[in-house]
């Protein structure tokens, strides 16, 4: 994603962006698949909400190319916060209004 963001910032030609974009998309799909493979509860927990927000911001960058850099920067900030937030935030369920265990089965973690 850093290469994509840099390419957008420096207005790299589309032909030079194919590989970075492809690698970013493939790695993102694989990571999303891994998280969903563990539990679909991921989608309504803090980490999943951050991932969905990031995807929405990236989509806005595609829909509004004149502001693509700004949308991609916002997505990068969301992704950075989402990947480094504490476990209690990462596993907080917006559906259950409490922290779920990392597997998403709905039980409180035992420390």
Protein backbone atom coordinates (compact mmCIF):
# COMPACT_ATOMS: atom_id res chain seq x y z
CA UNK A 1 0.00 0.00 0.00
CA UNK A 2 2.94 2.31 0.62
CA UNK A 3 3.95 1.95 -3.03
CA UNK A 4 0.39 2.68 -4.16
CA UNK A 5 0.15 5.71 -1.89
CA UNK A 6 3.52 7.00 -3.11
CA UNK A 7 2.54 6.38 -6.72
CA UNK A 8 -0.66 8.36 -6.27
CA UNK A 9 1.19 11.18 -4.52
CA UNK A 10 3.81 11.38 -7.28
CA UNK A 11 1.25 10.82 -10.07
CA UNK A 12 2.94 7.70 -11.38
CA UNK A 13 1.60 6.42 -14.71
CA UNK A 14 -1.08 3.72 -14.42
CA UNK A 15 1.17 1.18 -16.18
CA UNK A 16 3.75 1.56 -13.39
CA UNK A 17 1.11 1.07 -10.71
CA UNK A 18 -0.21 -2.31 -11.86
CA UNK A 19 2.11 -4.50 -9.78
CA UNK A 20 1.83 -2.50 -6.52
CA UNK A 21 -1.96 -2.33 -6.84
CA UNK A 22 -2.21 -6.05 -7.66
CA UNK A 23 0.00 -7.02 -4.70
CA UNK A 24 -1.98 -4.76 -2.38
CA UNK A 25 -5.31 -6.19 -3.51
CA UNK A 26 -4.16 -9.82 -3.36
CA UNK A 27 -2.58 -9.46 0.09
CA UNK A 28 -5.68 -7.63 1.37
CA UNK A 29 -8.02 -10.34 0.06
CA UNK A 30 -5.85 -13.06 1.63
CA UNK A 31 -5.76 -11.32 5.02
CA UNK A 32 -9.50 -10.65 4.92
CA UNK A 33 -10.09 -14.30 4.03
CA UNK A 34 -7.96 -15.46 6.95
CA UNK A 35 -9.90 -13.26 9.37
CA UNK A 36 -13.26 -14.36 7.98
CA UNK A 37 -12.10 -17.97 8.03
CA UNK A 38 -11.60 -17.70 11.78
CA UNK A 39 -15.05 -16.21 12.38
CA UNK A 40 -17.55 -13.97 10.65
CA UNK A 41 -17.81 -12.19 14.01
CA UNK A 42 -14.78 -10.29 12.72
CA UNK A 43 -17.15 -8.12 10.66
CA UNK A 44 -18.83 -6.53 13.69
CA UNK A 45 -15.80 -6.33 15.95
CA UNK A 46 -13.45 -3.36 16.16
CA UNK A 47 -10.87 -4.84 13.78
CA UNK A 48 -13.49 -5.75 11.19
CA UNK A 49 -15.19 -2.38 11.38
CA UNK A 50 -11.79 -0.73 10.85
CA UNK A 51 -11.14 -3.00 7.84
CA UNK A 52 -14.55 -2.21 6.33
CA UNK A 53 -14.02 1.51 6.90
CA UNK A 54 -10.62 1.24 5.21
CA UNK A 55 -12.20 -0.51 2.21
CA UNK A 56 -14.88 2.18 2.01
CA UNK A 57 -12.24 4.92 2.02
CA UNK A 58 -10.28 3.13 -0.71
CA UNK A 59 -13.50 2.80 -2.70
CA UNK A 60 -14.11 6.53 -2.36
CA UNK A 61 -10.62 7.06 -3.74
CA UNK A 62 -11.63 5.13 -6.84
CA UNK A 63 -14.96 6.94 -7.16
CA UNK A 64 -13.47 10.40 -6.61
CA UNK A 65 -10.07 10.34 -8.33
CA UNK A 66 -9.50 14.07 -7.87
CA UNK A 67 -9.26 13.45 -4.10
CA UNK A 68 -7.71 9.96 -4.33
CA UNK A 69 -4.61 10.89 -2.34
CA UNK A 70 -6.67 12.24 0.55
CA UNK A 71 -8.95 9.17 0.65
CA UNK A 72 -5.96 6.81 0.47
CA UNK A 73 -4.20 8.73 3.25
CA UNK A 74 -7.32 8.44 5.40
CA UNK A 75 -7.48 4.70 4.66
CA UNK A 76 -3.82 4.35 5.65
CA UNK A 77 -4.46 6.11 8.97
CA UNK A 78 -7.48 3.87 9.69
CA UNK A 79 -5.46 0.77 8.78
CA UNK A 80 -2.57 1.86 11.00
CA UNK A 81 -4.80 2.51 13.98
CA UNK A 82 -6.80 -0.66 13.33
CA UNK A 83 -3.75 -2.87 13.21
CA UNK A 84 -2.21 -1.44 16.38
CA UNK A 85 -5.23 -0.97 18.62
CA UNK A 86 -5.37 -2.89 21.90
CA UNK A 87 -7.01 -6.32 21.93
CA UNK A 88 -9.99 -5.05 23.90
CA UNK A 89 -10.77 -2.61 21.08
CA UNK A 90 -9.92 -5.10 18.35
CA UNK A 91 -12.33 -7.70 19.77
CA UNK A 92 -15.05 -5.31 20.95
CA UNK A 93 -18.35 -6.41 19.39
CA UNK A 94 -20.59 -3.60 18.22
CA UNK A 95 -23.36 -6.19 18.03
CA UNK A 96 -23.00 -7.56 21.58
CA UNK A 97 -21.66 -4.34 23.16
CA UNK A 98 -18.82 -6.17 24.88
CA UNK A 99 -15.44 -7.73 24.22
CA UNK A 100 -15.60 -11.15 22.57
CA UNK A 101 -12.88 -13.74 22.75
CA UNK A 102 -10.45 -13.69 19.81
CA UNK A 103 -12.28 -16.63 18.20
CA UNK A 104 -15.50 -14.62 18.15
CA UNK A 105 -17.65 -17.19 19.94
CA UNK A 106 -19.13 -14.54 22.21
CA UNK A 107 -17.45 -15.46 25.48
CA UNK A 108 -15.42 -13.12 27.60
CA UNK A 109 -11.68 -13.70 27.42
CA UNK A 110 -10.06 -15.40 30.38
CA UNK A 111 -6.78 -13.84 31.34
